[in-house]
Amino acid sequence: MKKMQVAVLGATGMIGQRFVQLLEDHPWFEIEGLYASERSEGKKLKEVVKVKDYDFMPETLGRKVEQIDIKKIAKNCRVAFSGLPSDIAKDYEQNLADAGVAVFSNAGSHRMRPDVPLLIPEVNPDHLKLIEAQASYKNGGYIVTNANCSTTGLAVPAKALMDAFGLKQVIVSTYQAVSGAGYPGVPSLDILNNVIPYIKNEEEKMEEELHKMLGTLDGLRVKNPSFEMLANCARVPVHDGHLESAFILPTKDCSCEEARDAMRAFKPEPQKLKLPTAPLEPIVVREEVDRPQPLWDVYAGEPCRASGMTVTVGRLRKKDKYLKMFLISHNTIRGGAGGSVLNAELAMAKGVLK
């Protein structure tokens, strides 16, 4: 199969470089160009590398970054993966969609638009149909977004439990890694030996986005569910991995054993389709009393391509009718570039990307 040509936008940033990592030897996609702002034009990737836990191929490190050129990208690429900052992503992404490019974005600019899928393939694959409501769809262009990095980790086990028992209430406190703030993250004198109990707009994003993702598709719109969602978010001195403490009240009472079984048995569409970046197990439930931990569990996921794509759940307990648990996911892979790559794979498998 001839590989589809793709552009990486924001290639000098952390999420952009995670896109490059996941696309380097992808079986379906091939990087046509690395794009960023005018000030980065002409620099080689090796001069601006921010991802420290992955060894890029020499030929990738030697590639030059180009200034974003809508016409060039539209001429040469079917897909653009966007790791652009949200404040500048909105117009670039829409202009590319209008030019006939399928845009798979990590940015938040279009997430809450009613005609844009806020997509996690394990959670709401049917929402991909929303692209048909976008004006650019008739030209072959559209925008698909992945969720906020903290919402993503919660949404996968929440979906498994919702399918099995229903959801009445979700309460979550997050302990979020500094890489979630982008490069170079949080100033060291602010975060060392400290926890910062405020991340701008994060709690609002979680409370809005989970409802949209777990909503039901009604024609070309999403009808939000009625469960209550409450979030507290903090930044902690961890490099990668968002740890979350969740209290989930199911509609139908269940035991811890039943909840574990439901999450372990959860094998949604990406796993059935065997998408390249889909982990064999979307949820791993651990029995140890002190897991999950960022140090041990952030790169959960098999095969190798899916490393960092599994959500790990642990310390599952019950109080009254509430399920209490901790969960962790990799914020720049599962909750970032990996989520968007998986979205594109789903679109390709469904025949809306061709």
Protein backbone atom coordinates (compact mmCIF):
# COMPACT_ATOMS: atom_id res chain seq x y z
CA MET A 1 0.00 0.00 0.00
CA LYS A 2 1.33 3.43 -0.95
CA LYS A 3 1.71 5.58 2.15
CA MET A 4 -0.36 8.73 2.55
CA GLN A 5 1.61 11.98 2.63
CA VAL A 6 1.19 14.00 5.83
CA ALA A 7 2.39 17.31 7.26
CA VAL A 8 3.36 17.92 10.88
CA LEU A 9 2.44 21.40 12.12
CA GLY A 10 4.23 22.79 15.16
CA ALA A 11 7.19 20.48 14.60
CA THR A 12 9.44 22.44 16.98
CA GLY A 13 7.12 21.88 19.95
CA MET A 14 6.72 18.91 22.29
CA ILE A 15 3.47 17.60 20.76
CA GLY A 16 4.73 18.23 17.23
CA GLN A 17 7.80 16.13 17.92
CA ARG A 18 5.69 13.36 19.43
CA PHE A 19 3.86 13.37 16.09
CA VAL A 20 7.21 12.97 14.32
CA GLN A 21 8.13 10.12 16.67
CA LEU A 22 4.89 8.24 15.97
CA LEU A 23 4.99 8.87 12.22
CA GLU A 24 8.67 8.06 11.56
CA ASP A 25 8.02 4.46 10.54
CA HIS A 26 4.23 4.41 10.36
CA PRO A 27 2.78 1.68 8.12
CA TRP A 28 0.13 3.97 6.59
CA PHE A 29 1.51 7.54 6.76
CA GLU A 30 4.69 9.22 5.53
CA ILE A 31 5.93 12.63 6.63
CA GLU A 32 6.02 15.05 3.69
CA GLY A 33 7.21 18.04 5.69
CA LEU A 34 7.83 19.54 9.10
CA TYR A 35 6.23 22.96 9.57
CA ALA A 36 6.39 25.68 12.20
CA SER A 37 6.57 29.45 12.52
CA GLU A 38 8.69 31.78 10.43
CA ARG A 39 11.35 32.07 13.14
CA SER A 40 12.09 28.32 12.91
CA GLU A 41 12.30 28.16 9.13
CA GLY A 42 15.47 26.49 7.86
CA LYS A 43 16.46 24.95 11.19
CA LYS A 44 17.14 21.23 11.24
CA LEU A 45 15.07 19.14 13.61
CA LYS A 46 18.21 18.17 15.54
CA GLU A 47 18.68 21.85 16.45
CA VAL A 48 15.27 22.09 18.12
CA VAL A 49 14.74 18.62 19.63
CA LYS A 50 12.69 18.69 22.84
CA VAL A 51 11.71 15.01 23.17
CA LYS A 52 14.48 13.47 25.30
CA ASP A 53 13.24 9.89 25.71
CA TYR A 54 13.27 8.84 22.07
CA ASP A 55 16.05 8.50 19.49
CA PHE A 56 14.97 9.93 16.16
CA MET A 57 16.38 8.45 12.97
CA PRO A 58 19.41 10.36 11.59
CA GLU A 59 17.54 11.26 8.40
CA THR A 60 14.68 12.68 10.48
CA LEU A 61 17.05 14.77 12.59
CA GLY A 62 18.50 16.17 9.37
CA ARG A 63 15.16 17.35 8.01
CA LYS A 64 14.63 21.10 7.82
CA VAL A 65 11.65 22.87 9.32
CA GLU A 66 9.61 24.97 6.91
CA GLN A 67 7.30 27.91 7.46
CA ILE A 68 3.63 26.91 7.29
CA ASP A 69 2.42 27.29 3.70
CA ILE A 70 -1.26 26.44 3.24
CA LYS A 71 -1.07 26.09 -0.55
CA LYS A 72 2.03 23.87 -0.46
CA ILE A 73 0.61 21.60 2.21
CA ALA A 74 -2.75 21.33 0.43
CA LYS A 75 -0.99 20.44 -2.83
CA ASN A 76 1.30 17.77 -1.38
CA CYS A 77 -0.53 16.34 1.65
CA ARG A 78 -3.84 14.65 2.34
CA VAL A 79 -3.42 15.03 6.12
CA ALA A 80 -2.06 17.62 8.53
CA PHE A 81 -1.30 16.64 12.13
CA SER A 82 -1.47 19.80 14.22
CA GLY A 83 0.63 20.31 17.31
CA LEU A 84 0.20 24.07 17.08
CA PRO A 85 -0.53 26.16 20.19
CA SER A 86 -4.25 26.78 20.51
CA ASP A 87 -3.92 30.54 20.17
CA ILE A 88 -2.63 30.26 16.61
CA ALA A 89 -4.09 26.90 15.53
CA LYS A 90 -7.64 28.07 14.84
CA ASP A 91 -7.12 29.89 11.54
CA TYR A 92 -4.35 27.64 10.19
CA GLU A 93 -6.44 24.52 10.79
CA GLN A 94 -9.60 25.97 9.25
CA ASN A 95 -7.72 27.29 6.22
CA LEU A 96 -6.21 23.86 5.63
CA ALA A 97 -9.61 22.17 5.95
CA ASP A 98 -11.07 24.69 3.49
CA ALA A 99 -8.23 23.78 1.11
CA GLY A 100 -9.23 20.09 1.20
CA VAL A 101 -6.84 18.80 3.89
CA ALA A 102 -7.95 16.45 6.67
CA VAL A 103 -6.69 18.06 9.89
CA PHE A 104 -6.16 15.94 13.01
CA SER A 105 -5.50 18.37 15.80
CA ASN A 106 -4.24 18.32 19.36
CA ALA A 107 -5.15 22.00 19.82
CA GLY A 108 -8.23 23.13 21.73
CA SER A 109 -9.40 25.78 19.26
CA HIS A 110 -12.16 23.73 17.63
CA ARG A 111 -12.89 21.07 20.26
CA MET A 112 -16.27 22.34 21.39
CA ARG A 113 -17.62 23.21 17.94
CA PRO A 114 -20.80 21.17 17.46
CA ASP A 115 -19.65 19.98 14.01
CA VAL A 116 -16.14 18.90 15.11
CA PRO A 117 -15.59 15.43 16.59
CA LEU A 118 -13.89 15.47 19.99
CA LEU A 119 -12.65 11.99 19.36
CA ILE A 120 -11.18 9.10 21.31
CA PRO A 121 -11.60 6.02 19.10
CA GLU A 122 -12.14 3.71 22.10
CA VAL A 123 -14.81 6.03 23.49
CA ASN A 124 -16.89 7.61 20.71
CA PRO A 125 -15.88 6.35 17.25
CA ASP A 126 -19.37 7.07 15.89
CA HIS A 127 -18.78 10.82 16.50
CA LEU A 128 -16.48 10.81 13.47
CA LYS A 129 -19.67 11.27 11.44
CA LEU A 130 -19.85 14.90 12.66
CA ILE A 131 -17.34 15.89 9.97
CA GLU A 132 -20.19 15.61 7.45
CA ALA A 133 -21.68 18.79 8.98
CA GLN A 134 -18.53 20.84 8.26
CA ALA A 135 -18.75 23.16 5.26
CA SER A 136 -15.31 22.06 4.06
CA TYR A 137 -16.28 18.37 4.00
CA LYS A 138 -17.57 18.57 0.41
CA ASN A 139 -14.01 19.47 -0.66
CA GLY A 140 -12.50 16.59 1.30
CA GLY A 141 -11.27 18.79 4.15
CA TYR A 142 -12.33 18.60 7.76
CA ILE A 143 -11.11 18.97 11.36
CA VAL A 144 -11.00 16.21 13.97
CA THR A 145 -9.68 16.99 17.45
CA ASN A 146 -8.45 14.85 20.30
CA ALA A 147 -9.40 15.71 23.87
CA ASN A 148 -7.51 17.57 26.53
CA CYS A 149 -4.72 15.36 27.93
CA SER A 150 -6.27 15.06 31.39
CA THR A 151 -9.76 14.27 30.06
CA THR A 152 -8.45 11.52 27.80
CA GLY A 153 -7.10 9.33 30.60
CA LEU A 154 -10.37 9.55 32.50
CA ALA A 155 -12.65 9.05 29.49
CA VAL A 156 -11.46 5.55 28.59
CA PRO A 157 -12.25 3.78 31.91
CA ALA A 158 -15.31 6.00 32.36
CA LYS A 159 -16.64 4.73 29.02
CA ALA A 160 -16.05 1.09 30.01
CA LEU A 161 -17.92 1.61 33.29
CA MET A 162 -20.68 3.65 31.64
CA ASP A 163 -21.35 0.91 29.10
CA ALA A 164 -21.58 -1.70 31.86
CA PHE A 165 -23.33 0.17 34.69
CA GLY A 166 -24.25 3.70 33.59
CA LEU A 167 -22.89 6.92 35.11
CA LYS A 168 -24.51 9.18 37.68
CA GLN A 169 -21.52 11.21 38.92
CA VAL A 170 -17.79 11.58 38.24
CA ILE A 171 -15.46 13.44 40.62
CA VAL A 172 -11.78 13.72 39.73
CA SER A 173 -8.62 15.32 41.10
CA THR A 174 -5.63 15.41 38.76
CA TYR A 175 -1.90 15.48 39.45
CA GLN A 176 -0.55 16.65 36.12
CA ALA A 177 2.97 16.41 34.73
CA VAL A 178 4.93 19.52 33.79
CA SER A 179 5.20 18.43 30.14
CA GLY A 180 1.49 19.13 29.89
CA ALA A 181 2.35 22.81 30.04
CA GLY A 182 4.39 22.56 26.83
CA TYR A 183 8.11 23.11 26.50
CA PRO A 184 9.90 24.15 28.71
CA GLY A 185 7.00 23.45 31.04
CA VAL A 186 6.73 25.20 34.40
CA PRO A 187 9.62 27.35 35.73
CA SER A 188 11.78 25.18 38.00
CA LEU A 189 11.62 27.56 40.96
CA ASP A 190 7.82 27.37 40.83
CA ILE A 191 7.45 23.58 40.64
CA LEU A 192 10.44 22.04 42.49
CA ASN A 193 9.37 20.79 45.93
CA ASN A 194 5.93 22.14 45.19
CA VAL A 195 2.42 21.41 43.93
CA ILE A 196 0.52 24.14 42.09
CA PRO A 197 -3.24 23.77 42.64
CA TYR A 198 -4.27 25.73 39.55
CA ILE A 199 -4.02 25.10 35.81
CA LYS A 200 -5.81 27.76 33.77
CA ASN A 201 -9.08 26.52 32.23
CA GLU A 202 -8.20 22.87 32.90
CA GLU A 203 -11.08 22.07 35.20
CA GLU A 204 -13.57 23.71 32.85
CA LYS A 205 -12.18 21.72 29.91
CA MET A 206 -12.51 18.43 31.77
CA GLU A 207 -16.06 19.12 32.86
CA GLU A 208 -17.17 20.13 29.34
CA GLU A 209 -15.20 17.66 27.26
CA LEU A 210 -16.14 14.47 29.10
CA HIS A 211 -19.82 15.24 28.56
CA LYS A 212 -19.33 15.80 24.84
CA MET A 213 -17.28 12.62 24.37
CA LEU A 214 -19.66 10.40 26.33
CA GLY A 215 -22.69 11.93 24.62
CA THR A 216 -24.87 10.09 22.13
CA LEU A 217 -24.89 10.93 18.44
CA ASP A 218 -28.27 12.27 17.30
CA GLY A 219 -28.07 12.84 13.56
CA LEU A 220 -25.18 15.29 13.14
CA ARG A 221 -25.17 16.58 16.68
CA VAL A 222 -24.15 15.26 20.10
CA LYS A 223 -26.65 14.99 22.93
CA ASN A 224 -24.77 15.31 26.22
CA PRO A 225 -25.41 12.81 29.03
CA SER A 226 -26.88 13.94 32.33
CA PHE A 227 -24.22 12.74 34.81
CA GLU A 228 -22.57 15.28 37.13
CA MET A 229 -18.87 16.00 36.59
CA LEU A 230 -16.57 17.81 39.04
CA ALA A 231 -12.82 18.37 38.64
CA ASN A 232 -9.86 19.74 40.59
CA CYS A 233 -6.53 20.06 38.76
CA ALA A 234 -2.98 20.51 40.07
CA ARG A 235 0.50 20.60 38.54
CA VAL A 236 3.11 18.35 40.17
CA PRO A 237 6.91 17.94 39.66
CA VAL A 238 6.65 14.89 37.37
CA HIS A 239 8.00 14.94 33.80
CA ASP A 240 5.39 12.80 31.99
CA GLY A 241 2.13 11.17 33.04
CA HIS A 242 -1.09 12.59 34.46
CA LEU A 243 -2.16 10.74 37.62
CA GLU A 244 -5.83 11.12 38.52
CA SER A 245 -7.88 10.25 41.57
CA ALA A 246 -11.44 9.42 40.51
CA PHE A 247 -14.69 8.80 42.37
CA ILE A 248 -17.29 7.29 40.05
CA LEU A 249 -20.92 6.71 41.01
CA PRO A 250 -22.50 4.22 38.59
CA THR A 251 -26.22 4.29 37.88
CA LYS A 252 -26.36 0.57 38.64
CA ASP A 253 -24.57 -0.55 41.77
CA CYS A 254 -21.64 -2.90 41.16
CA SER A 255 -18.86 -4.56 43.12
CA CYS A 256 -15.15 -3.85 42.67
CA GLU A 257 -14.79 -7.26 41.05
CA GLU A 258 -17.51 -6.45 38.53
CA ALA A 259 -15.91 -3.07 37.77
CA ARG A 260 -12.49 -4.69 37.24
CA ASP A 261 -14.01 -7.28 34.96
CA ALA A 262 -15.80 -4.61 32.90
CA MET A 263 -12.63 -2.60 32.37
CA ARG A 264 -10.50 -5.64 31.56
CA ALA A 265 -13.09 -6.92 29.09
CA PHE A 266 -13.34 -3.53 27.35
CA LYS A 267 -12.28 -4.18 23.74
CA PRO A 268 -13.71 -1.36 21.64
CA GLU A 269 -13.49 -0.64 17.92
CA PRO A 270 -9.78 0.28 17.52
CA GLN A 271 -8.77 -3.04 19.08
CA LYS A 272 -11.24 -4.96 16.89
CA LEU A 273 -9.92 -3.15 13.80
CA LYS A 274 -6.31 -3.72 14.94
CA LEU A 275 -5.33 -0.13 14.21
CA PRO A 276 -1.52 0.28 14.22
CA THR A 277 -1.36 2.65 17.23
CA ALA A 278 -4.16 1.00 19.23
CA PRO A 279 -2.89 -0.80 22.34
CA LEU A 280 -3.87 -4.44 22.67
CA GLU A 281 -5.37 -3.54 26.06
CA PRO A 282 -6.82 0.00 26.25
CA ILE A 283 -7.13 -0.38 30.04
CA VAL A 284 -4.80 -2.28 32.37
CA VAL A 285 -6.12 -2.84 35.89
CA ARG A 286 -3.37 -3.36 38.49
CA GLU A 287 -3.82 -5.17 41.78
CA GLU A 288 -0.85 -3.72 43.72
CA VAL A 289 -1.78 -1.34 46.54
CA ASP A 290 0.68 1.34 45.35
CA ARG A 291 -0.01 1.43 41.60
CA PRO A 292 -0.32 3.13 39.18
CA GLN A 293 2.75 5.38 39.34
CA PRO A 294 4.25 7.63 36.64
CA LEU A 295 7.65 5.99 37.06
CA TRP A 296 6.31 2.51 36.36
CA ASP A 297 3.15 2.87 34.31
CA VAL A 298 3.30 5.90 32.01
CA TYR A 299 4.58 3.89 29.02
CA ALA A 300 2.06 1.04 29.37
CA GLY A 301 0.87 -0.30 26.05
CA GLU A 302 1.75 -3.05 23.58
CA PRO A 303 2.89 -3.57 20.85
CA CYS A 304 5.88 -1.22 20.78
CA ARG A 305 4.11 1.34 18.57
CA ALA A 306 1.38 1.63 21.22
CA SER A 307 3.77 2.29 24.14
CA GLY A 308 2.18 5.06 26.20
CA MET A 309 -1.31 4.49 24.77
CA THR A 310 -2.76 2.32 27.56
CA VAL A 311 -4.58 3.81 30.56
CA THR A 312 -3.56 2.11 33.81
CA VAL A 313 -6.09 1.87 36.64
CA GLY A 314 -5.31 0.83 40.20
CA ARG A 315 -6.29 1.06 43.87
CA LEU A 316 -9.89 0.21 42.97
CA ARG A 317 -12.00 0.37 46.12
CA LYS A 318 -15.60 1.02 47.06
CA LYS A 319 -17.20 3.39 49.56
CA ASP A 320 -20.98 3.24 49.81
CA LYS A 321 -21.93 3.09 46.11
CA TYR A 322 -18.88 5.03 44.86
CA LEU A 323 -16.01 3.36 43.02
CA LYS A 324 -12.68 4.90 44.10
CA MET A 325 -9.61 4.54 41.92
CA PHE A 326 -6.39 6.05 40.62
CA LEU A 327 -5.54 6.11 36.93
CA ILE A 328 -2.63 7.29 34.83
CA SER A 329 -2.05 8.03 31.14
CA HIS A 330 0.80 9.49 29.12
CA ASN A 331 -0.21 13.09 28.50
CA THR A 332 1.81 13.81 25.34
CA ILE A 333 1.23 10.38 23.75
CA ARG A 334 -2.19 8.97 24.73
CA GLY A 335 -3.46 12.45 25.60
CA GLY A 336 -1.62 14.19 22.75
CA ALA A 337 -0.02 13.15 19.48
CA GLY A 338 -0.82 9.45 19.84
CA GLY A 339 -4.50 10.23 20.23
CA SER A 340 -4.54 12.23 16.99
CA VAL A 341 -2.63 9.56 15.06
CA LEU A 342 -5.12 6.96 16.28
CA ASN A 343 -7.96 9.26 15.17
CA ALA A 344 -6.50 9.39 11.66
CA GLU A 345 -6.11 5.62 11.60
CA LEU A 346 -9.77 5.23 12.55
CA ALA A 347 -10.79 7.67 9.79
CA MET A 348 -8.75 5.67 7.29
CA ALA A 349 -10.20 2.35 8.43
CA LYS A 350 -13.72 3.83 8.15
CA GLY A 351 -13.10 5.07 4.64
CA VAL A 352 -13.48 8.79 5.37
CA LEU A 353 -9.76 9.35 4.83
CA LYS A 354 -8.65 8.25 1.39
